[in-house]
Amino acid sequence: MFEGQPQSELDALCKANPEFRQLYHHHKELDKKVLDAELGVLAVDDTTLLQMKRQKLAAKDRLSRLFESLQH
């Protein structure tokens, strides 16, 4: 997520905006859990995996909108 954006810019947004920071970390956590579930490292049922994927997508959508609004 945010490929092509300098990490320093993302770090600055995380420092300056608590909502962005919380969503950014939540998305990263969900990303890891989904990957672990898909690899079989984390045992979850299909419904839980689908729910995690939906939460991850919702966090990404909100992060993208927030990122755009903070850039202007």
PDB file of N, CA and C in Angstrom:
ATOM      1  N   MET A   1       0.836  -1.167   0.000  1.00  0.00           N
ATOM      2  CA  MET A   1       0.000   0.000   0.000  1.00  0.00           C
ATOM      3  C   MET A   1       0.887   1.238   0.000  1.00  0.00           C
ATOM      4  N   PHE A   2       0.453   2.242  -0.723  1.00  0.00           N
ATOM      5  CA  PHE A   2       1.198   3.498  -0.855  1.00  0.00           C
ATOM      6  C   PHE A   2       2.560   3.275  -1.504  1.00  0.00           C
ATOM      7  N   GLU A   3       2.596   2.349  -2.464  1.00  0.00           N
ATOM      8  CA  GLU A   3       3.827   2.113  -3.199  1.00  0.00           C
ATOM      9  C   GLU A   3       4.216   3.413  -3.901  1.00  0.00           C
ATOM     10  N   GLY A   4       5.470   3.690  -3.901  1.00  0.00           N
ATOM     11  CA  GLY A   4       5.947   4.898  -4.545  1.00  0.00           C
ATOM     12  C   GLY A   4       5.977   6.112  -3.634  1.00  0.00           C
ATOM     13  N   GLN A   5       5.381   5.990  -2.459  1.00  0.00           N
ATOM     14  CA  GLN A   5       5.411   7.080  -1.500  1.00  0.00           C
ATOM     15  C   GLN A   5       6.627   6.894  -0.608  1.00  0.00           C
ATOM     16  N   PRO A   6       7.374   7.954  -0.395  1.00  0.00           N
ATOM     17  CA  PRO A   6       8.532   7.832   0.505  1.00  0.00           C
ATOM     18  C   PRO A   6       8.080   7.448   1.920  1.00  0.00           C
ATOM     19  N   GLN A   7       8.815   6.523   2.533  1.00  0.00           N
ATOM     20  CA  GLN A   7       8.470   6.088   3.888  1.00  0.00           C
ATOM     21  C   GLN A   7       8.478   7.268   4.855  1.00  0.00           C
ATOM     22  N   SER A   8       9.366   8.225   4.615  1.00  0.00           N
ATOM     23  CA  SER A   8       9.436   9.396   5.490  1.00  0.00           C
ATOM     24  C   SER A   8       8.131  10.199   5.454  1.00  0.00           C
ATOM     25  N   GLU A   9       7.494  10.241   4.285  1.00  0.00           N
ATOM     26  CA  GLU A   9       6.209  10.942   4.158  1.00  0.00           C
ATOM     27  C   GLU A   9       5.121  10.219   4.949  1.00  0.00           C
ATOM     28  N   LEU A  10       5.108   8.898   4.848  1.00  0.00           N
ATOM     29  CA  LEU A  10       4.129   8.110   5.605  1.00  0.00           C
ATOM     30  C   LEU A  10       4.376   8.225   7.106  1.00  0.00           C
ATOM     31  N   ASP A  11       5.635   8.204   7.499  1.00  0.00           N
ATOM     32  CA  ASP A  11       5.973   8.364   8.920  1.00  0.00           C
ATOM     33  C   ASP A  11       5.503   9.714   9.444  1.00  0.00           C
ATOM     34  N   ALA A  12       5.684  10.753   8.633  1.00  0.00           N
ATOM     35  CA  ALA A  12       5.253  12.094   9.039  1.00  0.00           C
ATOM     36  C   ALA A  12       3.737  12.139   9.203  1.00  0.00           C
ATOM     37  N   LEU A  13       3.006  11.496   8.294  1.00  0.00           N
ATOM     38  CA  LEU A  13       1.542  11.458   8.410  1.00  0.00           C
ATOM     39  C   LEU A  13       1.117  10.685   9.653  1.00  0.00           C
ATOM     40  N   CYS A  14       1.812   9.601   9.940  1.00  0.00           N
ATOM     41  CA  CYS A  14       1.497   8.810  11.140  1.00  0.00           C
ATOM     42  C   CYS A  14       1.728   9.629  12.404  1.00  0.00           C
ATOM     43  N   LYS A  15       2.783  10.423  12.402  1.00  0.00           N
ATOM     44  CA  LYS A  15       3.077  11.264  13.561  1.00  0.00           C
ATOM     45  C   LYS A  15       2.056  12.381  13.723  1.00  0.00           C
ATOM     46  N   ALA A  16       1.672  12.973  12.595  1.00  0.00           N
ATOM     47  CA  ALA A  16       0.819  14.160  12.625  1.00  0.00           C
ATOM     48  C   ALA A  16      -0.665  13.840  12.783  1.00  0.00           C
ATOM     49  N   ASN A  17      -1.083  12.639  12.370  1.00  0.00           N
ATOM     50  CA  ASN A  17      -2.511  12.341  12.353  1.00  0.00           C
ATOM     51  C   ASN A  17      -2.782  11.009  13.052  1.00  0.00           C
ATOM     52  N   PRO A  18      -3.367  11.057  14.244  1.00  0.00           N
ATOM     53  CA  PRO A  18      -3.628   9.825  15.011  1.00  0.00           C
ATOM     54  C   PRO A  18      -4.553   8.844  14.283  1.00  0.00           C
ATOM     55  N   GLU A  19      -5.538   9.360  13.552  1.00  0.00           N
ATOM     56  CA  GLU A  19      -6.449   8.470  12.836  1.00  0.00           C
ATOM     57  C   GLU A  19      -5.701   7.722  11.734  1.00  0.00           C
ATOM     58  N   PHE A  20      -4.859   8.439  10.997  1.00  0.00           N
ATOM     59  CA  PHE A  20      -4.069   7.810   9.939  1.00  0.00           C
ATOM     60  C   PHE A  20      -3.156   6.738  10.537  1.00  0.00           C
ATOM     61  N   ARG A  21      -2.486   7.082  11.640  1.00  0.00           N
ATOM     62  CA  ARG A  21      -1.577   6.142  12.298  1.00  0.00           C
ATOM     63  C   ARG A  21      -2.315   4.879  12.728  1.00  0.00           C
ATOM     64  N   GLN A  22      -3.459   5.034  13.360  1.00  0.00           N
ATOM     65  CA  GLN A  22      -4.230   3.887  13.845  1.00  0.00           C
ATOM     66  C   GLN A  22      -4.685   3.015  12.673  1.00  0.00           C
ATOM     67  N   LEU A  23      -5.212   3.631  11.621  1.00  0.00           N
ATOM     68  CA  LEU A  23      -5.664   2.876  10.464  1.00  0.00           C
ATOM     69  C   LEU A  23      -4.507   2.182   9.748  1.00  0.00           C
ATOM     70  N   TYR A  24      -3.380   2.882   9.637  1.00  0.00           N
ATOM     71  CA  TYR A  24      -2.209   2.335   8.963  1.00  0.00           C
ATOM     72  C   TYR A  24      -1.719   1.072   9.685  1.00  0.00           C
ATOM     73  N   HIS A  25      -1.635   1.134  10.998  1.00  0.00           N
ATOM     74  CA  HIS A  25      -1.180  -0.023  11.782  1.00  0.00           C
ATOM     75  C   HIS A  25      -2.220  -1.151  11.783  1.00  0.00           C
ATOM     76  N   HIS A  26      -3.492  -0.760  11.815  1.00  0.00           N
ATOM     77  CA  HIS A  26      -4.568  -1.758  11.769  1.00  0.00           C
ATOM     78  C   HIS A  26      -4.525  -2.502  10.429  1.00  0.00           C
ATOM     79  N   HIS A  27      -4.327  -1.767   9.335  1.00  0.00           N
ATOM     80  CA  HIS A  27      -4.257  -2.391   8.020  1.00  0.00           C
ATOM     81  C   HIS A  27      -3.067  -3.342   7.934  1.00  0.00           C
ATOM     82  N   LYS A  28      -1.910  -2.904   8.444  1.00  0.00           N
ATOM     83  CA  LYS A  28      -0.721  -3.761   8.407  1.00  0.00           C
ATOM     84  C   LYS A  28      -0.942  -5.040   9.219  1.00  0.00           C
ATOM     85  N   GLU A  29      -1.594  -4.911  10.367  1.00  0.00           N
ATOM     86  CA  GLU A  29      -1.885  -6.073  11.216  1.00  0.00           C
ATOM     87  C   GLU A  29      -2.824  -7.043  10.501  1.00  0.00           C
ATOM     88  N   LEU A  30      -3.874  -6.496   9.877  1.00  0.00           N
ATOM     89  CA  LEU A  30      -4.805  -7.346   9.136  1.00  0.00           C
ATOM     90  C   LEU A  30      -4.117  -8.009   7.947  1.00  0.00           C
ATOM     91  N   ASP A  31      -3.246  -7.266   7.280  1.00  0.00           N
ATOM     92  CA  ASP A  31      -2.517  -7.807   6.137  1.00  0.00           C
ATOM     93  C   ASP A  31      -1.704  -9.035   6.551  1.00  0.00           C
ATOM     94  N   LYS A  32      -1.036  -8.920   7.683  1.00  0.00           N
ATOM     95  CA  LYS A  32      -0.235 -10.045   8.184  1.00  0.00           C
ATOM     96  C   LYS A  32      -1.123 -11.226   8.557  1.00  0.00           C
ATOM     97  N   LYS A  33      -2.242 -10.960   9.224  1.00  0.00           N
ATOM     98  CA  LYS A  33      -3.142 -12.042   9.629  1.00  0.00           C
ATOM     99  C   LYS A  33      -3.736 -12.756   8.415  1.00  0.00           C
ATOM    100  N   VAL A  34      -4.140 -11.985   7.403  1.00  0.00           N
ATOM    101  CA  VAL A  34      -4.711 -12.585   6.195  1.00  0.00           C
ATOM    102  C   VAL A  34      -3.665 -13.450   5.497  1.00  0.00           C
ATOM    103  N   LEU A  35      -2.459 -12.933   5.380  1.00  0.00           N
ATOM    104  CA  LEU A  35      -1.381 -13.705   4.754  1.00  0.00           C
ATOM    105  C   LEU A  35      -1.110 -14.992   5.539  1.00  0.00           C
ATOM    106  N   ASP A  36      -1.032 -14.882   6.856  1.00  0.00           N
ATOM    107  CA  ASP A  36      -0.806 -16.058   7.697  1.00  0.00           C
ATOM    108  C   ASP A  36      -1.937 -17.084   7.534  1.00  0.00           C
ATOM    109  N   ALA A  37      -3.169 -16.590   7.453  1.00  0.00           N
ATOM    110  CA  ALA A  37      -4.312 -17.490   7.280  1.00  0.00           C
ATOM    111  C   ALA A  37      -4.257 -18.182   5.923  1.00  0.00           C
ATOM    112  N   GLU A  38      -3.895 -17.437   4.893  1.00  0.00           N
ATOM    113  CA  GLU A  38      -3.813 -18.023   3.557  1.00  0.00           C
ATOM    114  C   GLU A  38      -2.680 -19.038   3.447  1.00  0.00           C
ATOM    115  N   LEU A  39      -1.613 -18.823   4.209  1.00  0.00           N
ATOM    116  CA  LEU A  39      -0.483 -19.759   4.204  1.00  0.00           C
ATOM    117  C   LEU A  39      -0.710 -20.954   5.133  1.00  0.00           C
ATOM    118  N   GLY A  40      -1.771 -20.898   5.926  1.00  0.00           N
ATOM    119  CA  GLY A  40      -2.066 -21.978   6.850  1.00  0.00           C
ATOM    120  C   GLY A  40      -1.375 -21.856   8.190  1.00  0.00           C
ATOM    121  N   VAL A  41      -0.690 -20.744   8.419  1.00  0.00           N
ATOM    122  CA  VAL A  41       0.006 -20.511   9.687  1.00  0.00           C
ATOM    123  C   VAL A  41      -0.991 -20.133  10.777  1.00  0.00           C
ATOM    124  N   LEU A  42      -2.032 -19.399  10.395  1.00  0.00           N
ATOM    125  CA  LEU A  42      -3.077 -18.966  11.325  1.00  0.00           C
ATOM    126  C   LEU A  42      -4.348 -19.729  10.985  1.00  0.00           C
ATOM    127  N   ALA A  43      -4.846 -20.489  11.934  1.00  0.00           N
ATOM    128  CA  ALA A  43      -6.041 -21.299  11.692  1.00  0.00           C
ATOM    129  C   ALA A  43      -7.302 -20.464  11.892  1.00  0.00           C
ATOM    130  N   VAL A  44      -7.957 -20.145  10.784  1.00  0.00           N
ATOM    131  CA  VAL A  44      -9.242 -19.442  10.842  1.00  0.00           C
ATOM    132  C   VAL A  44     -10.179 -20.075   9.821  1.00  0.00           C
ATOM    133  N   ASP A  45     -11.474 -19.966  10.093  1.00  0.00           N
ATOM    134  CA  ASP A  45     -12.445 -20.504   9.145  1.00  0.00           C
ATOM    135  C   ASP A  45     -12.643 -19.513   7.992  1.00  0.00           C
ATOM    136  N   ASP A  46     -13.306 -19.961   6.951  1.00  0.00           N
ATOM    137  CA  ASP A  46     -13.489 -19.137   5.753  1.00  0.00           C
ATOM    138  C   ASP A  46     -14.255 -17.850   6.040  1.00  0.00           C
ATOM    139  N   THR A  47     -15.237 -17.921   6.927  1.00  0.00           N
ATOM    140  CA  THR A  47     -16.023 -16.742   7.258  1.00  0.00           C
ATOM    141  C   THR A  47     -15.157 -15.691   7.944  1.00  0.00           C
ATOM    142  N   THR A  48     -14.319 -16.117   8.855  1.00  0.00           N
ATOM    143  CA  THR A  48     -13.430 -15.190   9.556  1.00  0.00           C
ATOM    144  C   THR A  48     -12.418 -14.582   8.595  1.00  0.00           C
ATOM    145  N   LEU A  49     -11.878 -15.398   7.693  1.00  0.00           N
ATOM    146  CA  LEU A  49     -10.926 -14.896   6.706  1.00  0.00           C
ATOM    147  C   LEU A  49     -11.587 -13.854   5.816  1.00  0.00           C
ATOM    148  N   LEU A  50     -12.804 -14.130   5.367  1.00  0.00           N
ATOM    149  CA  LEU A  50     -13.527 -13.175   4.531  1.00  0.00           C
ATOM    150  C   LEU A  50     -13.784 -11.875   5.289  1.00  0.00           C
ATOM    151  N   GLN A  51     -14.130 -11.982   6.552  1.00  0.00           N
ATOM    152  CA  GLN A  51     -14.369 -10.802   7.382  1.00  0.00           C
ATOM    153  C   GLN A  51     -13.086  -9.976   7.537  1.00  0.00           C
ATOM    154  N   MET A  52     -11.959 -10.657   7.754  1.00  0.00           N
ATOM    155  CA  MET A  52     -10.684  -9.950   7.881  1.00  0.00           C
ATOM    156  C   MET A  52     -10.330  -9.239   6.572  1.00  0.00           C
ATOM    157  N   LYS A  53     -10.589  -9.890   5.449  1.00  0.00           N
ATOM    158  CA  LYS A  53     -10.304  -9.278   4.150  1.00  0.00           C
ATOM    159  C   LYS A  53     -11.171  -8.039   3.933  1.00  0.00           C
ATOM    160  N   ARG A  54     -12.422  -8.116   4.338  1.00  0.00           N
ATOM    161  CA  ARG A  54     -13.322  -6.955   4.204  1.00  0.00           C
ATOM    162  C   ARG A  54     -12.864  -5.803   5.091  1.00  0.00           C
ATOM    163  N   GLN A  55     -12.460  -6.119   6.319  1.00  0.00           N
ATOM    164  CA  GLN A  55     -11.956  -5.084   7.223  1.00  0.00           C
ATOM    165  C   GLN A  55     -10.685  -4.446   6.666  1.00  0.00           C
ATOM    166  N   LYS A  56      -9.833  -5.266   6.104  1.00  0.00           N
ATOM    167  CA  LYS A  56      -8.582  -4.777   5.512  1.00  0.00           C
ATOM    168  C   LYS A  56      -8.880  -3.833   4.349  1.00  0.00           C
ATOM    169  N   LEU A  57      -9.814  -4.215   3.496  1.00  0.00           N
ATOM    170  CA  LEU A  57     -10.183  -3.377   2.356  1.00  0.00           C
ATOM    171  C   LEU A  57     -10.820  -2.068   2.820  1.00  0.00           C
ATOM    172  N   ALA A  58     -11.672  -2.136   3.826  1.00  0.00           N
ATOM    173  CA  ALA A  58     -12.302  -0.919   4.354  1.00  0.00           C
ATOM    174  C   ALA A  58     -11.244   0.014   4.943  1.00  0.00           C
ATOM    175  N   ALA A  59     -10.270  -0.549   5.644  1.00  0.00           N
ATOM    176  CA  ALA A  59      -9.189   0.271   6.210  1.00  0.00           C
ATOM    177  C   ALA A  59      -8.362   0.896   5.097  1.00  0.00           C
ATOM    178  N   LYS A  60      -8.091   0.133   4.041  1.00  0.00           N
ATOM    179  CA  LYS A  60      -7.315   0.660   2.920  1.00  0.00           C
ATOM    180  C   LYS A  60      -8.063   1.787   2.216  1.00  0.00           C
ATOM    181  N   ASP A  61      -9.353   1.600   2.012  1.00  0.00           N
ATOM    182  CA  ASP A  61     -10.158   2.647   1.374  1.00  0.00           C
ATOM    183  C   ASP A  61     -10.145   3.925   2.202  1.00  0.00           C
ATOM    184  N   ARG A  62     -10.338   3.779   3.502  1.00  0.00           N
ATOM    185  CA  ARG A  62     -10.342   4.945   4.386  1.00  0.00           C
ATOM    186  C   ARG A  62      -8.962   5.607   4.409  1.00  0.00           C
ATOM    187  N   LEU A  63      -7.921   4.807   4.454  1.00  0.00           N
ATOM    188  CA  LEU A  63      -6.556   5.344   4.433  1.00  0.00           C
ATOM    189  C   LEU A  63      -6.298   6.128   3.151  1.00  0.00           C
ATOM    190  N   SER A  64      -6.738   5.593   2.035  1.00  0.00           N
ATOM    191  CA  SER A  64      -6.528   6.277   0.756  1.00  0.00           C
ATOM    192  C   SER A  64      -7.244   7.620   0.729  1.00  0.00           C
ATOM    193  N   ARG A  65      -8.489   7.638   1.199  1.00  0.00           N
ATOM    194  CA  ARG A  65      -9.234   8.917   1.233  1.00  0.00           C
ATOM    195  C   ARG A  65      -8.575   9.897   2.196  1.00  0.00           C
ATOM    196  N   LEU A  66      -8.155   9.420   3.341  1.00  0.00           N
ATOM    197  CA  LEU A  66      -7.512  10.252   4.332  1.00  0.00           C
ATOM    198  C   LEU A  66      -6.180  10.790   3.796  1.00  0.00           C
ATOM    199  N   PHE A  67      -5.417   9.929   3.132  1.00  0.00           N
ATOM    200  CA  PHE A  67      -4.132  10.335   2.553  1.00  0.00           C
ATOM    201  C   PHE A  67      -4.351  11.457   1.539  1.00  0.00           C
ATOM    202  N   GLU A  68      -5.342  11.283   0.672  1.00  0.00           N
ATOM    203  CA  GLU A  68      -5.640  12.316  -0.336  1.00  0.00           C
ATOM    204  C   GLU A  68      -6.031  13.632   0.320  1.00  0.00           C
ATOM    205  N   SER A  69      -6.868  13.564   1.336  1.00  0.00           N
ATOM    206  CA  SER A  69      -7.337  14.803   1.990  1.00  0.00           C
ATOM    207  C   SER A  69      -6.198  15.504   2.725  1.00  0.00           C
ATOM    208  N   LEU A  70      -5.248  14.750   3.258  1.00  0.00           N
ATOM    209  CA  LEU A  70      -4.132  15.344   3.988  1.00  0.00           C
ATOM    210  C   LEU A  70      -3.068  15.910   3.049  1.00  0.00           C
ATOM    211  N   GLN A  71      -3.084  15.482   1.797  1.00  0.00           N
ATOM    212  CA  GLN A  71      -2.111  15.976   0.833  1.00  0.00           C
ATOM    213  C   GLN A  71      -2.501  17.340   0.260  1.00  0.00           C
ATOM    214  N   HIS A  72      -3.742  17.747   0.454  1.00  0.00           N
ATOM    215  CA  HIS A  72      -4.221  19.023  -0.103  1.00  0.00           C
ATOM    216  C   HIS A  72      -4.315  20.093   0.942  1.00  0.00           C
TER     217      HIS A  72
END
